[in-house]
Amino acid sequence: LTEPTDPIDAAIWRNAFLTRPPLASYVWEIAGWTHKSSMDQSLWKPVWFVLSHRFAFFFKNQSQSGSCRGCLYLPGCTMEAMEGSREQGCTYALKLTLLIPCTPAANARHKRTITIAFEEEATQQSWINFIQKLPLPEPVANPVKTPSSAPPL
């Protein structure tokens, strides 16, 4: 994975992935239990989530000393409301297609799809509201410079 282009987002992202800070170090807008799917949706794991700044952070439990297990960068993601995992008791879900930021040299963004399931519609709606109010990510800068004498493309 590569980090977001916004310097503040990049610092938060690096901190989450490199130092795995405990839950107590986060200030959040929304927190609670949800279920996160594996890539092929064959396995669902309960996770404690924290929505903060422009990220969803995931923890094994809600212990204040528990370390961050992962994070999702949410700006620019697309959402699709869908049925949840009935086996897990979650009737609501969101399929998120995330833009994974790349380095400016790559001049692109990759996509990753993840499904989050909720026991209550209100929790699903809180995620939707949180994501909808996020600003779009900064465009990736084009690293190719054209000489001033060259004609424009």
N, C-alpha and C. Protein backbone atom coordinates (compact mmCIF):
# COMPACT_ATOMS: atom_id res chain seq x y z
N LEU A 1 0.83 -1.19 0.00
CA LEU A 1 0.00 0.00 0.00
C LEU A 1 0.87 1.24 0.00
N THR A 2 0.34 2.27 -0.55
CA THR A 2 1.04 3.56 -0.53
C THR A 2 0.17 4.56 0.19
N GLU A 3 0.74 5.65 0.57
CA GLU A 3 0.02 6.58 1.43
C GLU A 3 -0.74 7.66 0.65
N PRO A 4 -1.72 8.30 1.32
CA PRO A 4 -2.47 9.39 0.69
C PRO A 4 -1.56 10.55 0.31
N THR A 5 -2.00 11.35 -0.65
CA THR A 5 -1.20 12.48 -1.10
C THR A 5 -1.29 13.68 -0.17
N ASP A 6 -2.39 13.85 0.55
CA ASP A 6 -2.53 14.94 1.51
C ASP A 6 -1.56 14.70 2.67
N PRO A 7 -0.73 15.70 3.04
CA PRO A 7 0.29 15.46 4.08
C PRO A 7 -0.28 15.06 5.43
N ILE A 8 -1.40 15.63 5.84
CA ILE A 8 -2.00 15.27 7.13
C ILE A 8 -2.54 13.85 7.06
N ASP A 9 -3.26 13.53 5.98
CA ASP A 9 -3.77 12.17 5.81
C ASP A 9 -2.64 11.15 5.76
N ALA A 10 -1.55 11.52 5.08
CA ALA A 10 -0.40 10.61 4.97
C ALA A 10 0.20 10.33 6.34
N ALA A 11 0.30 11.35 7.18
CA ALA A 11 0.85 11.17 8.53
C ALA A 11 -0.05 10.27 9.37
N ILE A 12 -1.35 10.46 9.29
CA ILE A 12 -2.29 9.61 10.02
C ILE A 12 -2.19 8.17 9.52
N TRP A 13 -2.17 8.01 8.20
CA TRP A 13 -2.07 6.68 7.60
C TRP A 13 -0.80 5.95 8.04
N ARG A 14 0.34 6.66 7.97
CA ARG A 14 1.62 6.06 8.38
C ARG A 14 1.57 5.64 9.84
N ASN A 15 1.03 6.51 10.68
CA ASN A 15 0.94 6.21 12.11
C ASN A 15 0.11 4.95 12.36
N ALA A 16 -1.03 4.83 11.67
CA ALA A 16 -1.90 3.66 11.86
C ALA A 16 -1.22 2.37 11.42
N PHE A 17 -0.51 2.41 10.29
CA PHE A 17 0.09 1.19 9.77
C PHE A 17 1.43 0.84 10.39
N LEU A 18 2.21 1.84 10.76
CA LEU A 18 3.55 1.56 11.25
C LEU A 18 3.63 1.38 12.76
N THR A 19 2.86 2.19 13.51
CA THR A 19 2.98 2.12 14.97
C THR A 19 1.82 1.40 15.63
N ARG A 20 0.70 1.17 14.88
CA ARG A 20 -0.47 0.49 15.43
C ARG A 20 -0.87 1.05 16.79
N PRO A 21 -1.20 2.36 16.84
CA PRO A 21 -1.51 2.98 18.14
C PRO A 21 -2.74 2.37 18.80
N PRO A 22 -2.82 2.45 20.14
CA PRO A 22 -3.97 1.90 20.84
C PRO A 22 -5.22 2.75 20.61
N LEU A 23 -6.36 2.15 20.83
CA LEU A 23 -7.65 2.82 20.67
C LEU A 23 -7.72 4.12 21.47
N ALA A 24 -7.12 4.14 22.66
CA ALA A 24 -7.18 5.31 23.52
C ALA A 24 -6.57 6.55 22.87
N SER A 25 -5.72 6.39 21.86
CA SER A 25 -5.06 7.54 21.23
C SER A 25 -5.91 8.20 20.14
N TYR A 26 -7.07 7.63 19.81
CA TYR A 26 -7.91 8.17 18.75
C TYR A 26 -9.04 9.03 19.29
N VAL A 27 -9.33 10.10 18.55
CA VAL A 27 -10.51 10.91 18.81
C VAL A 27 -11.45 10.59 17.66
N TRP A 28 -12.66 10.13 17.96
CA TRP A 28 -13.53 9.68 16.90
C TRP A 28 -14.86 10.39 16.88
N GLU A 29 -15.50 10.34 15.72
CA GLU A 29 -16.85 10.88 15.57
C GLU A 29 -17.88 9.79 15.81
N ILE A 30 -17.58 8.57 15.33
CA ILE A 30 -18.50 7.45 15.44
C ILE A 30 -17.67 6.22 15.78
N ALA A 31 -18.19 5.36 16.65
CA ALA A 31 -17.51 4.11 16.99
C ALA A 31 -18.56 3.05 17.29
N GLY A 32 -18.20 1.79 17.08
CA GLY A 32 -19.11 0.70 17.40
C GLY A 32 -18.70 -0.61 16.75
N TRP A 33 -19.51 -1.64 16.98
CA TRP A 33 -19.24 -2.96 16.42
C TRP A 33 -19.80 -3.10 15.02
N THR A 34 -19.09 -3.81 14.20
CA THR A 34 -19.55 -4.17 12.86
C THR A 34 -18.88 -5.49 12.48
N HIS A 35 -19.17 -5.98 11.30
CA HIS A 35 -18.51 -7.18 10.77
C HIS A 35 -17.84 -6.79 9.45
N LYS A 36 -16.60 -7.22 9.29
CA LYS A 36 -15.83 -6.92 8.09
C LYS A 36 -15.59 -8.22 7.35
N SER A 37 -15.80 -8.20 6.03
CA SER A 37 -15.65 -9.42 5.24
C SER A 37 -14.21 -9.61 4.77
N SER A 38 -13.90 -10.87 4.48
CA SER A 38 -12.65 -11.17 3.80
C SER A 38 -12.83 -10.76 2.34
N MET A 39 -11.76 -10.82 1.57
CA MET A 39 -11.84 -10.38 0.17
C MET A 39 -12.90 -11.14 -0.62
N ASP A 40 -13.05 -12.46 -0.37
CA ASP A 40 -14.03 -13.24 -1.12
C ASP A 40 -15.37 -13.37 -0.40
N GLN A 41 -15.52 -12.68 0.71
CA GLN A 41 -16.73 -12.64 1.53
C GLN A 41 -17.11 -14.00 2.12
N SER A 42 -16.15 -14.92 2.21
CA SER A 42 -16.44 -16.22 2.80
C SER A 42 -16.27 -16.19 4.31
N LEU A 43 -15.56 -15.20 4.83
CA LEU A 43 -15.31 -15.10 6.26
C LEU A 43 -15.65 -13.70 6.74
N TRP A 44 -16.42 -13.62 7.79
CA TRP A 44 -16.81 -12.34 8.39
C TRP A 44 -16.23 -12.28 9.79
N LYS A 45 -15.58 -11.18 10.12
CA LYS A 45 -15.00 -11.01 11.45
C LYS A 45 -15.64 -9.82 12.15
N PRO A 46 -16.02 -10.00 13.42
CA PRO A 46 -16.50 -8.84 14.17
C PRO A 46 -15.31 -7.94 14.50
N VAL A 47 -15.49 -6.65 14.33
CA VAL A 47 -14.44 -5.67 14.63
C VAL A 47 -15.07 -4.44 15.28
N TRP A 48 -14.29 -3.81 16.13
CA TRP A 48 -14.68 -2.53 16.70
C TRP A 48 -14.13 -1.47 15.76
N PHE A 49 -14.96 -0.57 15.28
CA PHE A 49 -14.49 0.43 14.34
C PHE A 49 -14.56 1.81 14.96
N VAL A 50 -13.73 2.68 14.44
CA VAL A 50 -13.71 4.09 14.81
C VAL A 50 -13.66 4.88 13.52
N LEU A 51 -14.63 5.75 13.29
CA LEU A 51 -14.59 6.66 12.15
C LEU A 51 -14.03 7.99 12.66
N SER A 52 -12.91 8.39 12.10
CA SER A 52 -12.22 9.59 12.55
C SER A 52 -11.49 10.24 11.38
N HIS A 53 -11.58 11.56 11.32
CA HIS A 53 -10.95 12.35 10.26
C HIS A 53 -11.47 11.86 8.90
N ARG A 54 -10.71 11.16 8.13
CA ARG A 54 -11.13 10.63 6.83
C ARG A 54 -10.94 9.12 6.75
N PHE A 55 -10.88 8.48 7.90
CA PHE A 55 -10.52 7.06 7.97
C PHE A 55 -11.53 6.25 8.76
N ALA A 56 -11.55 4.95 8.49
CA ALA A 56 -12.19 3.96 9.35
C ALA A 56 -11.05 3.12 9.91
N PHE A 57 -10.91 3.13 11.22
CA PHE A 57 -9.88 2.33 11.90
C PHE A 57 -10.56 1.11 12.50
N PHE A 58 -9.90 -0.04 12.46
CA PHE A 58 -10.46 -1.28 12.97
C PHE A 58 -9.62 -1.84 14.10
N PHE A 59 -10.32 -2.38 15.12
CA PHE A 59 -9.69 -2.95 16.30
C PHE A 59 -10.33 -4.30 16.59
N LYS A 60 -9.60 -5.17 17.28
CA LYS A 60 -10.11 -6.49 17.62
C LYS A 60 -11.25 -6.38 18.64
N ASN A 61 -11.12 -5.41 19.56
CA ASN A 61 -12.15 -5.18 20.56
C ASN A 61 -12.13 -3.72 20.98
N GLN A 62 -12.98 -3.37 21.92
CA GLN A 62 -13.07 -1.97 22.31
C GLN A 62 -12.21 -1.62 23.52
N SER A 63 -11.25 -2.47 23.85
CA SER A 63 -10.32 -2.19 24.93
C SER A 63 -9.50 -0.95 24.57
N GLN A 64 -9.37 -0.04 25.51
CA GLN A 64 -8.63 1.20 25.27
C GLN A 64 -7.16 0.95 24.95
N SER A 65 -6.64 -0.22 25.36
CA SER A 65 -5.24 -0.53 25.09
C SER A 65 -5.05 -1.35 23.81
N GLY A 66 -6.16 -1.75 23.17
CA GLY A 66 -6.07 -2.55 21.95
C GLY A 66 -5.46 -1.77 20.80
N SER A 67 -4.59 -2.43 20.03
CA SER A 67 -3.91 -1.73 18.94
C SER A 67 -4.74 -1.78 17.65
N CYS A 68 -4.50 -0.80 16.82
CA CYS A 68 -5.19 -0.68 15.53
C CYS A 68 -4.81 -1.88 14.65
N ARG A 69 -5.83 -2.54 14.08
CA ARG A 69 -5.61 -3.70 13.21
C ARG A 69 -5.59 -3.33 11.73
N GLY A 70 -6.04 -2.13 11.40
CA GLY A 70 -6.06 -1.70 10.02
C GLY A 70 -6.86 -0.43 9.86
N CYS A 71 -6.73 0.20 8.71
CA CYS A 71 -7.51 1.40 8.46
C CYS A 71 -7.87 1.48 6.98
N LEU A 72 -8.97 2.15 6.74
CA LEU A 72 -9.44 2.39 5.38
C LEU A 72 -9.46 3.89 5.15
N TYR A 73 -8.92 4.32 4.02
CA TYR A 73 -8.94 5.73 3.62
C TYR A 73 -10.22 5.93 2.82
N LEU A 74 -11.16 6.72 3.35
CA LEU A 74 -12.51 6.79 2.81
C LEU A 74 -12.80 7.85 1.74
N PRO A 75 -12.05 8.95 1.63
CA PRO A 75 -12.40 9.94 0.61
C PRO A 75 -12.44 9.35 -0.80
N GLY A 76 -13.48 9.70 -1.52
CA GLY A 76 -13.62 9.26 -2.91
C GLY A 76 -14.16 7.86 -3.08
N CYS A 77 -14.49 7.17 -1.97
CA CYS A 77 -14.99 5.80 -2.13
C CYS A 77 -16.44 5.84 -2.62
N THR A 78 -16.85 4.78 -3.26
CA THR A 78 -18.25 4.65 -3.65
C THR A 78 -18.90 3.64 -2.71
N MET A 79 -20.21 3.82 -2.49
CA MET A 79 -20.94 2.97 -1.55
C MET A 79 -22.12 2.33 -2.26
N GLU A 80 -22.39 1.10 -1.88
CA GLU A 80 -23.58 0.41 -2.36
C GLU A 80 -24.21 -0.29 -1.15
N ALA A 81 -25.43 0.14 -0.80
CA ALA A 81 -26.15 -0.51 0.30
C ALA A 81 -26.61 -1.88 -0.19
N MET A 82 -26.48 -2.89 0.67
CA MET A 82 -26.85 -4.24 0.27
C MET A 82 -27.26 -5.05 1.49
N GLU A 83 -27.69 -6.29 1.27
CA GLU A 83 -28.03 -7.17 2.37
C GLU A 83 -26.77 -7.62 3.08
N GLY A 84 -26.89 -7.77 4.39
CA GLY A 84 -25.76 -8.20 5.19
C GLY A 84 -25.66 -9.71 5.28
N SER A 85 -24.85 -10.18 6.18
CA SER A 85 -24.64 -11.60 6.41
C SER A 85 -25.64 -12.10 7.44
N ARG A 86 -26.61 -12.84 7.00
CA ARG A 86 -27.64 -13.36 7.92
C ARG A 86 -27.03 -14.30 8.96
N GLU A 87 -25.99 -15.05 8.58
CA GLU A 87 -25.33 -15.96 9.51
C GLU A 87 -24.75 -15.19 10.70
N GLN A 88 -24.31 -13.97 10.47
CA GLN A 88 -23.72 -13.14 11.51
C GLN A 88 -24.77 -12.29 12.22
N GLY A 89 -26.01 -12.36 11.79
CA GLY A 89 -27.06 -11.55 12.40
C GLY A 89 -27.04 -10.11 11.94
N CYS A 90 -26.40 -9.85 10.82
CA CYS A 90 -26.29 -8.49 10.29
C CYS A 90 -27.14 -8.39 9.02
N THR A 91 -28.21 -7.63 9.09
CA THR A 91 -29.11 -7.55 7.94
C THR A 91 -28.79 -6.38 7.02
N TYR A 92 -27.88 -5.51 7.42
CA TYR A 92 -27.53 -4.34 6.62
C TYR A 92 -26.04 -4.39 6.28
N ALA A 93 -25.68 -3.91 5.11
CA ALA A 93 -24.28 -3.91 4.72
C ALA A 93 -23.99 -2.77 3.75
N LEU A 94 -22.74 -2.43 3.67
CA LEU A 94 -22.24 -1.46 2.69
C LEU A 94 -21.08 -2.08 1.95
N LYS A 95 -21.16 -2.05 0.65
CA LYS A 95 -20.03 -2.45 -0.19
C LYS A 95 -19.30 -1.17 -0.53
N LEU A 96 -18.06 -1.07 -0.08
CA LEU A 96 -17.25 0.12 -0.30
C LEU A 96 -16.18 -0.17 -1.35
N THR A 97 -16.12 0.65 -2.36
CA THR A 97 -15.03 0.58 -3.33
C THR A 97 -14.14 1.77 -3.04
N LEU A 98 -12.97 1.47 -2.51
CA LEU A 98 -12.04 2.49 -2.03
C LEU A 98 -11.00 2.82 -3.07
N LEU A 99 -10.61 4.07 -3.11
CA LEU A 99 -9.48 4.49 -3.94
C LEU A 99 -8.23 4.36 -3.09
N ILE A 100 -7.35 3.47 -3.46
CA ILE A 100 -6.10 3.31 -2.73
C ILE A 100 -5.10 4.26 -3.36
N PRO A 101 -4.65 5.25 -2.60
CA PRO A 101 -3.74 6.24 -3.18
C PRO A 101 -2.41 5.61 -3.60
N CYS A 102 -1.86 6.13 -4.66
CA CYS A 102 -0.54 5.69 -5.15
C CYS A 102 0.42 6.85 -5.08
N THR A 103 1.67 6.57 -5.24
CA THR A 103 2.66 7.63 -5.27
C THR A 103 2.45 8.48 -6.52
N PRO A 104 2.80 9.74 -6.49
CA PRO A 104 2.64 10.58 -7.68
C PRO A 104 3.34 10.00 -8.91
N ALA A 105 4.44 9.28 -8.73
CA ALA A 105 5.14 8.71 -9.88
C ALA A 105 4.27 7.69 -10.62
N ALA A 106 3.39 7.01 -9.88
CA ALA A 106 2.51 6.03 -10.51
C ALA A 106 1.37 6.73 -11.25
N ASN A 107 1.05 7.95 -10.83
CA ASN A 107 0.02 8.77 -11.46
C ASN A 107 -1.30 8.01 -11.63
N ALA A 108 -1.69 7.26 -10.61
CA ALA A 108 -2.92 6.48 -10.69
C ALA A 108 -3.40 6.15 -9.29
N ARG A 109 -4.58 5.61 -9.23
CA ARG A 109 -5.12 5.10 -7.97
C ARG A 109 -5.66 3.71 -8.25
N HIS A 110 -5.46 2.83 -7.29
CA HIS A 110 -5.99 1.48 -7.39
C HIS A 110 -7.30 1.42 -6.63
N LYS A 111 -8.12 0.42 -6.93
CA LYS A 111 -9.39 0.26 -6.24
C LYS A 111 -9.38 -1.02 -5.43
N ARG A 112 -10.05 -0.98 -4.29
CA ARG A 112 -10.21 -2.15 -3.43
C ARG A 112 -11.65 -2.16 -2.96
N THR A 113 -12.27 -3.32 -2.97
CA THR A 113 -13.65 -3.43 -2.52
C THR A 113 -13.69 -4.21 -1.21
N ILE A 114 -14.46 -3.68 -0.27
CA ILE A 114 -14.61 -4.32 1.03
C ILE A 114 -16.08 -4.19 1.43
N THR A 115 -16.59 -5.18 2.14
CA THR A 115 -17.98 -5.12 2.59
C THR A 115 -18.00 -5.09 4.12
N ILE A 116 -18.79 -4.17 4.64
CA ILE A 116 -18.97 -3.99 6.07
C ILE A 116 -20.44 -4.28 6.38
N ALA A 117 -20.71 -5.16 7.36
CA ALA A 117 -22.08 -5.52 7.70
C ALA A 117 -22.44 -4.96 9.08
N PHE A 118 -23.70 -4.58 9.22
CA PHE A 118 -24.18 -3.93 10.44
C PHE A 118 -25.41 -4.64 10.98
N GLU A 119 -25.56 -4.64 12.30
CA GLU A 119 -26.74 -5.22 12.92
C GLU A 119 -27.92 -4.26 12.86
N GLU A 120 -27.63 -2.97 12.85
CA GLU A 120 -28.69 -1.96 12.88
C GLU A 120 -28.59 -1.03 11.68
N GLU A 121 -29.75 -0.65 11.15
CA GLU A 121 -29.79 0.27 10.02
C GLU A 121 -29.22 1.63 10.40
N ALA A 122 -29.41 2.04 11.66
CA ALA A 122 -28.89 3.34 12.11
C ALA A 122 -27.36 3.40 12.01
N THR A 123 -26.69 2.29 12.29
CA THR A 123 -25.23 2.26 12.19
C THR A 123 -24.80 2.35 10.73
N GLN A 124 -25.50 1.63 9.87
CA GLN A 124 -25.22 1.72 8.43
C GLN A 124 -25.40 3.16 7.96
N GLN A 125 -26.47 3.80 8.38
CA GLN A 125 -26.75 5.18 7.96
C GLN A 125 -25.70 6.14 8.50
N SER A 126 -25.17 5.88 9.70
CA SER A 126 -24.13 6.76 10.24
C SER A 126 -22.86 6.68 9.38
N TRP A 127 -22.53 5.48 8.88
CA TRP A 127 -21.39 5.35 7.96
C TRP A 127 -21.65 6.12 6.67
N ILE A 128 -22.84 5.95 6.12
CA ILE A 128 -23.18 6.65 4.87
C ILE A 128 -23.06 8.16 5.06
N ASN A 129 -23.62 8.69 6.14
CA ASN A 129 -23.56 10.13 6.40
C ASN A 129 -22.12 10.60 6.58
N PHE A 130 -21.32 9.84 7.31
CA PHE A 130 -19.91 10.20 7.54
C PHE A 130 -19.15 10.27 6.22
N ILE A 131 -19.32 9.25 5.38
CA ILE A 131 -18.58 9.19 4.11
C ILE A 131 -19.05 10.27 3.14
N GLN A 132 -20.36 10.53 3.11
CA GLN A 132 -20.89 11.53 2.17
C GLN A 132 -20.38 12.94 2.46
N LYS A 133 -20.05 13.24 3.69
CA LYS A 133 -19.59 14.60 4.01
C LYS A 133 -18.08 14.78 3.82
N LEU A 134 -17.36 13.71 3.49
CA LEU A 134 -15.91 13.82 3.29
C LEU A 134 -15.59 14.54 1.98
N PRO A 135 -14.55 15.36 1.99
CA PRO A 135 -14.11 15.98 0.73
C PRO A 135 -13.49 14.92 -0.17
N LEU A 136 -13.52 15.18 -1.46
CA LEU A 136 -12.87 14.27 -2.41
C LEU A 136 -11.37 14.34 -2.22
N PRO A 137 -10.66 13.24 -2.50
CA PRO A 137 -9.20 13.26 -2.34
C PRO A 137 -8.55 14.19 -3.36
N GLU A 138 -7.37 14.65 -3.00
CA GLU A 138 -6.60 15.50 -3.90
C GLU A 138 -6.21 14.68 -5.13
N PRO A 139 -6.24 15.28 -6.32
CA PRO A 139 -5.78 14.52 -7.49
C PRO A 139 -4.30 14.21 -7.39
N VAL A 140 -3.91 13.10 -7.98
CA VAL A 140 -2.50 12.73 -8.00
C VAL A 140 -1.80 13.66 -8.98
N ALA A 141 -0.71 14.27 -8.53
CA ALA A 141 0.02 15.19 -9.39
C ALA A 141 0.68 14.45 -10.54
N ASN A 142 0.71 15.09 -11.70
CA ASN A 142 1.36 14.49 -12.85
C ASN A 142 2.85 14.79 -12.77
N PRO A 143 3.69 13.74 -12.62
CA PRO A 143 5.11 13.98 -12.44
C PRO A 143 5.85 14.31 -13.74
N VAL A 144 5.19 14.19 -14.88
CA VAL A 144 5.85 14.42 -16.16
C VAL A 144 5.86 15.91 -16.45
N LYS A 145 7.03 16.45 -16.63
CA LYS A 145 7.18 17.88 -16.94
C LYS A 145 7.51 18.02 -18.42
N THR A 146 6.83 18.95 -19.06
CA THR A 146 7.16 19.18 -20.47
C THR A 146 8.02 20.45 -20.53
N PRO A 147 9.06 20.45 -21.33
CA PRO A 147 9.89 21.65 -21.47
C PRO A 147 9.04 22.81 -21.98
N SER A 148 9.36 24.01 -21.55
CA SER A 148 8.57 25.18 -21.97
C SER A 148 8.62 25.40 -23.48
N SER A 149 9.64 24.87 -24.15
CA SER A 149 9.73 25.06 -25.59
C SER A 149 8.91 24.02 -26.36
N ALA A 150 8.49 22.96 -25.68
CA ALA A 150 7.74 21.91 -26.36
C ALA A 150 6.30 22.35 -26.58
N PRO A 151 5.69 21.97 -27.71
CA PRO A 151 4.30 22.32 -27.92
C PRO A 151 3.41 21.56 -26.94
N PRO A 152 2.28 22.14 -26.53
CA PRO A 152 1.40 21.44 -25.59
C PRO A 152 0.83 20.19 -26.25
N LEU A 153 0.55 19.18 -25.42
CA LEU A 153 -0.02 17.93 -25.93
C LEU A 153 -1.49 18.04 -26.14
